[in-house]
């Protein structure tokens, strides 16, 4: 069995991949989230684990867009990882001598106050992952990166300062994806996406169905439908505590213009 993750080694995706999948899985890194999911779609891997939401920065739009657009994949599990950002460099530099700072845009955003207060002289350079940032600075003078603590070992870096994120309540939710199959599984959470008619009250009517059948929505967000300006998809997570969800889905399908189940799984 093969599982794909956003690489290279040392990313938070790599860390959660090792927590979820044991040594019987071959773990394969990919350069982007989209590359990871497309590899699953093309059956090059059996599972993909990708970030979907951060407690500070919100949804990971690349993940959301891919799982909406690709028809034959689904969510089969979710896992949450506590995120700590750390400042590292090739050597133990004084912070005032750091001229370049590398990291992923989300990590930079999560450490904005720290950067403004401590790294005013550094040019900010965005890269596709925190681990790639670590790899970049491993051979650079007067450069630093913001990354996972595991990168110190992976790329032989010196830890300059630990846990520099502005908010300590920093968690990322990851989802495990697989190809759609007919297997019957036990689940207590359902993720779905739908679109409504472009008319007054359409979304209100759709959401009212969940209330009618006593179903708790734990998440709702919108994404552009990429058809024309002002049209949106609505992504919802629903707690499944009774079989009423079957009736709710059937009723919902009758009033929406688009509907797709994104996954059935056990909530974290």
Protein backbone atom coordinates (compact mmCIF):
# COMPACT_ATOMS: atom_id res chain seq x y z
CA UNK A 1 0.00 0.00 0.00
CA UNK A 2 1.20 3.51 -0.87
CA UNK A 3 0.23 6.81 0.75
CA UNK A 4 1.02 10.25 -0.64
CA UNK A 5 1.68 13.43 1.33
CA UNK A 6 2.86 16.99 0.75
CA UNK A 7 6.63 16.73 0.90
CA UNK A 8 9.50 16.80 1.27
CA UNK A 9 10.34 15.02 4.53
CA UNK A 10 9.87 17.24 7.54
CA UNK A 11 6.55 18.88 6.62
CA UNK A 12 3.61 18.76 8.99
CA UNK A 13 1.98 16.50 6.39
CA UNK A 14 4.93 14.14 6.75
CA UNK A 15 4.56 14.18 10.53
CA UNK A 16 0.83 13.36 10.47
CA UNK A 17 1.41 10.75 7.76
CA UNK A 18 3.79 8.89 10.07
CA UNK A 19 1.29 9.13 12.93
CA UNK A 20 -1.61 7.74 10.87
CA UNK A 21 0.11 5.14 8.67
CA UNK A 22 2.47 2.48 9.98
CA UNK A 23 5.59 1.06 8.35
CA UNK A 24 3.57 -1.29 6.14
CA UNK A 25 2.75 1.76 3.96
CA UNK A 26 5.22 3.17 1.46
CA UNK A 27 5.16 6.95 2.01
CA UNK A 28 5.60 9.03 -1.13
CA UNK A 29 6.18 12.82 -1.10
CA UNK A 30 4.66 15.17 -3.69
CA UNK A 31 5.47 18.80 -4.48
CA UNK A 32 1.91 20.15 -4.13
CA UNK A 33 -1.43 19.20 -2.62
CA UNK A 34 -2.91 18.97 -6.11
CA UNK A 35 -0.15 16.62 -7.27
CA UNK A 36 -0.85 14.40 -4.25
CA UNK A 37 -4.58 14.18 -4.97
CA UNK A 38 -4.11 13.64 -8.72
CA UNK A 39 -1.75 10.75 -7.94
CA UNK A 40 -4.59 9.15 -5.99
CA UNK A 41 -7.04 9.81 -8.82
CA UNK A 42 -4.62 8.10 -11.24
CA UNK A 43 -4.18 5.11 -8.85
CA UNK A 44 -0.46 5.77 -8.36
CA UNK A 45 -1.11 5.70 -4.60
CA UNK A 46 -3.77 4.03 -2.45
CA UNK A 47 -4.32 6.86 0.06
CA UNK A 48 -3.55 10.57 0.23
CA UNK A 49 -3.31 12.67 3.38
CA UNK A 50 -3.69 16.42 2.89
CA UNK A 51 -4.41 19.49 5.05
CA UNK A 52 -7.94 20.85 4.78
CA UNK A 53 -8.33 23.46 7.53
CA UNK A 54 -6.23 25.46 9.98
CA UNK A 55 -7.65 26.91 13.19
CA UNK A 56 -6.05 30.30 12.48
CA UNK A 57 -5.97 30.60 8.68
CA UNK A 58 -9.18 28.76 7.77
CA UNK A 59 -9.72 26.34 4.90
CA UNK A 60 -6.99 25.13 2.57
CA UNK A 61 -8.57 26.18 -0.71
CA UNK A 62 -6.35 23.98 -2.92
CA UNK A 63 -7.60 20.89 -1.10
CA UNK A 64 -11.26 21.97 -1.15
CA UNK A 65 -11.21 22.77 -4.87
CA UNK A 66 -9.57 19.44 -5.76
CA UNK A 67 -12.00 17.25 -3.84
CA UNK A 68 -14.95 19.10 -5.37
CA UNK A 69 -13.62 18.82 -8.92
CA UNK A 70 -12.43 15.18 -8.86
CA UNK A 71 -15.40 12.84 -8.92
CA UNK A 72 -13.98 9.45 -7.87
CA UNK A 73 -12.24 10.26 -4.57
CA UNK A 74 -13.70 10.61 -1.09
CA UNK A 75 -12.75 11.43 2.50
CA UNK A 76 -12.39 8.34 4.68
CA UNK A 77 -10.86 9.81 7.87
CA UNK A 78 -9.83 13.06 9.56
CA UNK A 79 -6.97 13.75 11.94
CA UNK A 80 -5.93 16.89 13.85
CA UNK A 81 -2.32 17.93 14.46
CA UNK A 82 -1.08 20.59 16.90
CA UNK A 83 1.09 23.03 14.94
CA UNK A 84 4.21 24.60 16.43
CA UNK A 85 6.34 26.84 14.24
CA UNK A 86 10.09 27.13 14.89
CA UNK A 87 12.88 29.38 13.67
CA UNK A 88 15.91 27.51 12.32
CA UNK A 89 19.11 28.21 10.40
CA UNK A 90 22.34 26.59 9.25
CA UNK A 91 24.21 28.15 12.19
CA UNK A 92 23.38 29.95 15.42
CA UNK A 93 23.00 33.40 13.84
CA UNK A 94 22.07 36.54 15.70
CA UNK A 95 18.56 37.47 14.56
CA UNK A 96 19.64 40.93 13.40
CA UNK A 97 22.06 39.30 10.92
CA UNK A 98 19.41 37.21 9.16
CA UNK A 99 18.83 38.67 5.69
CA UNK A 100 16.45 36.05 4.23
CA UNK A 101 13.50 34.25 5.79
CA UNK A 102 11.96 31.25 4.01
CA UNK A 103 8.67 29.50 4.72
CA UNK A 104 5.23 28.53 3.49
CA UNK A 105 2.76 31.47 3.28
CA UNK A 106 0.55 30.03 6.05
CA UNK A 107 3.49 29.58 8.42
CA UNK A 108 4.60 33.16 7.73
CA UNK A 109 1.09 34.42 8.44
CA UNK A 110 0.95 32.45 11.69
CA UNK A 111 4.18 34.13 12.87
CA UNK A 112 3.53 37.66 11.58
CA UNK A 113 3.97 39.46 14.91
CA UNK A 114 7.17 37.58 15.71
CA UNK A 115 8.63 38.39 12.29
CA UNK A 116 7.77 42.08 12.57
CA UNK A 117 9.34 42.32 16.01
CA UNK A 118 12.45 40.20 15.50
CA UNK A 119 13.31 39.86 11.80
CA UNK A 120 12.82 43.34 10.39
CA UNK A 121 15.93 43.10 8.20
CA UNK A 122 14.96 39.83 6.53
CA UNK A 123 13.57 39.51 3.03
CA UNK A 124 10.51 37.23 3.12
CA UNK A 125 10.67 34.39 0.59
CA UNK A 126 7.60 32.15 0.17
CA UNK A 127 8.01 28.49 -0.82
CA UNK A 128 5.61 25.59 -1.26
CA UNK A 129 6.24 23.90 2.10
CA UNK A 130 7.97 24.52 5.43
CA UNK A 131 10.25 21.55 4.80
CA UNK A 132 11.33 22.96 1.43
CA UNK A 133 12.16 26.16 3.31
CA UNK A 134 14.37 24.13 5.65
CA UNK A 135 16.05 22.44 2.70
CA UNK A 136 16.70 25.82 1.05
CA UNK A 137 18.42 27.38 4.08
CA UNK A 138 20.50 24.30 4.95
CA UNK A 139 23.24 25.59 2.62
CA UNK A 140 22.64 29.35 2.84
CA UNK A 141 24.49 31.91 4.91
CA UNK A 142 22.53 34.40 7.03
CA UNK A 143 19.24 32.76 6.07
CA UNK A 144 16.58 31.27 8.33
CA UNK A 145 13.35 29.36 7.96
CA UNK A 146 10.13 28.80 9.87
CA UNK A 147 9.33 25.10 9.98
CA UNK A 148 8.43 21.95 11.87
CA UNK A 149 10.78 20.88 14.68
CA UNK A 150 11.49 17.63 12.80
CA UNK A 151 13.36 19.62 10.14
CA UNK A 152 16.26 20.16 12.53
CA UNK A 153 17.17 16.50 12.25
CA UNK A 154 16.17 16.03 8.61
CA UNK A 155 18.23 18.97 7.32
CA UNK A 156 20.91 19.37 10.01
CA UNK A 157 19.68 22.78 11.16
CA UNK A 158 20.21 24.75 14.34
CA UNK A 159 17.13 25.70 16.36
CA UNK A 160 17.22 29.47 16.93
CA UNK A 161 13.90 29.81 18.70
CA UNK A 162 11.10 27.39 19.51
CA UNK A 163 7.33 27.87 19.11
CA UNK A 164 7.28 31.33 17.61
CA UNK A 165 3.67 31.29 16.38
CA UNK A 166 1.58 34.28 17.45
CA UNK A 167 -1.29 32.13 18.72
CA UNK A 168 -0.69 28.89 20.60
CA UNK A 169 -4.12 27.57 19.64
CA UNK A 170 -2.86 26.47 16.26
CA UNK A 171 -4.16 23.18 14.90
CA UNK A 172 -4.49 21.80 11.40
CA UNK A 173 -7.09 19.27 10.34
CA UNK A 174 -5.93 16.71 7.79
CA UNK A 175 -8.14 14.41 5.74
CA UNK A 176 -7.32 10.97 4.41
CA UNK A 177 -8.58 10.39 0.87
CA UNK A 178 -9.22 7.18 -1.05
CA UNK A 179 -10.86 6.13 -4.30
CA UNK A 180 -14.65 5.86 -4.13
CA UNK A 181 -15.90 2.33 -3.53
CA UNK A 182 -19.14 0.59 -2.54
CA UNK A 183 -17.81 -0.65 0.77
CA UNK A 184 -20.26 -0.30 3.67
CA UNK A 185 -18.58 1.43 6.60
CA UNK A 186 -19.63 2.77 9.96
CA UNK A 187 -19.50 6.56 10.13
CA UNK A 188 -20.79 9.42 12.23
CA UNK A 189 -19.85 12.37 10.02
CA UNK A 190 -20.72 13.30 6.47
CA UNK A 191 -19.07 15.96 4.31
CA UNK A 192 -20.95 17.23 1.27
CA UNK A 193 -21.03 20.07 -1.23
CA UNK A 194 -24.05 21.59 -2.94
CA UNK A 195 -25.06 24.60 -5.02
CA UNK A 196 -28.43 26.36 -4.90
CA UNK A 197 -30.48 28.29 -7.40
CA UNK A 198 -29.47 31.94 -7.69
CA UNK A 199 -32.65 33.30 -6.12
CA UNK A 200 -33.78 34.81 -2.77
CA UNK A 201 -34.10 32.29 0.08
CA UNK A 202 -32.47 29.38 -1.77
CA UNK A 203 -29.68 28.82 0.76
CA UNK A 204 -32.09 29.38 3.66
CA UNK A 205 -34.36 26.62 2.34
CA UNK A 206 -31.46 24.22 1.88
CA UNK A 207 -30.10 24.75 5.38
CA UNK A 208 -33.61 24.50 6.84
CA UNK A 209 -33.72 20.84 5.78
CA UNK A 210 -30.93 19.97 8.21
CA UNK A 211 -32.83 21.68 11.03
CA UNK A 212 -36.05 19.89 10.04
CA UNK A 213 -34.41 16.50 10.51
CA UNK A 214 -32.45 17.40 13.65
CA UNK A 215 -29.00 17.27 12.03
CA UNK A 216 -26.14 19.34 13.45
CA UNK A 217 -23.97 21.23 10.97
CA UNK A 218 -20.44 21.50 12.36
CA UNK A 219 -19.07 23.47 9.41
CA UNK A 220 -20.33 25.52 6.50
CA UNK A 221 -18.23 27.51 4.06
CA UNK A 222 -18.48 28.70 0.50
CA UNK A 223 -16.18 28.43 -2.51
CA UNK A 224 -16.59 30.12 -5.91
CA UNK A 225 -18.33 27.78 -8.34
CA UNK A 226 -16.00 28.99 -11.13
CA UNK A 227 -18.96 29.42 -13.45
CA UNK A 228 -19.68 33.12 -13.10
CA UNK A 229 -19.27 35.86 -10.52
CA UNK A 230 -21.64 35.48 -7.56
CA UNK A 231 -22.22 31.72 -7.87
CA UNK A 232 -20.91 29.52 -5.07
CA UNK A 233 -20.57 25.98 -3.82
CA UNK A 234 -21.43 25.39 -0.16
CA UNK A 235 -19.41 22.81 1.75
CA UNK A 236 -20.96 21.42 4.94
CA UNK A 237 -19.99 18.86 7.57
CA UNK A 238 -22.89 17.08 9.25
CA UNK A 239 -22.91 15.04 12.45
CA UNK A 240 -24.79 11.80 11.80
CA UNK A 241 -26.58 10.73 14.98
CA UNK A 242 -29.65 9.16 13.40
CA UNK A 243 -30.87 7.79 10.08
CA UNK A 244 -32.76 10.98 9.33
CA UNK A 245 -29.82 12.11 7.23
CA UNK A 246 -31.01 9.80 4.43
CA UNK A 247 -34.35 11.64 4.22
CA UNK A 248 -32.60 14.98 4.50
CA UNK A 249 -30.27 14.23 1.59
CA UNK A 250 -33.14 13.11 -0.64
CA UNK A 251 -35.06 16.29 0.13
CA UNK A 252 -31.96 18.43 -0.39
CA UNK A 253 -31.28 16.88 -3.79
CA UNK A 254 -34.73 18.01 -4.98
CA UNK A 255 -34.05 21.71 -4.43
CA UNK A 256 -30.34 22.18 -5.25
CA UNK A 257 -28.65 22.47 -8.62
CA UNK A 258 -25.56 20.44 -7.68
CA UNK A 259 -24.85 17.87 -4.96
CA UNK A 260 -21.92 15.61 -4.11
CA UNK A 261 -20.89 13.57 -1.08
CA UNK A 262 -17.25 14.35 -0.26
CA UNK A 263 -16.87 11.61 2.32
CA UNK A 264 -18.29 9.44 5.11
CA UNK A 265 -16.03 8.83 8.08
CA UNK A 266 -15.60 8.85 11.85
CA UNK A 267 -14.96 12.32 13.25
CA UNK A 268 -11.77 13.07 15.16
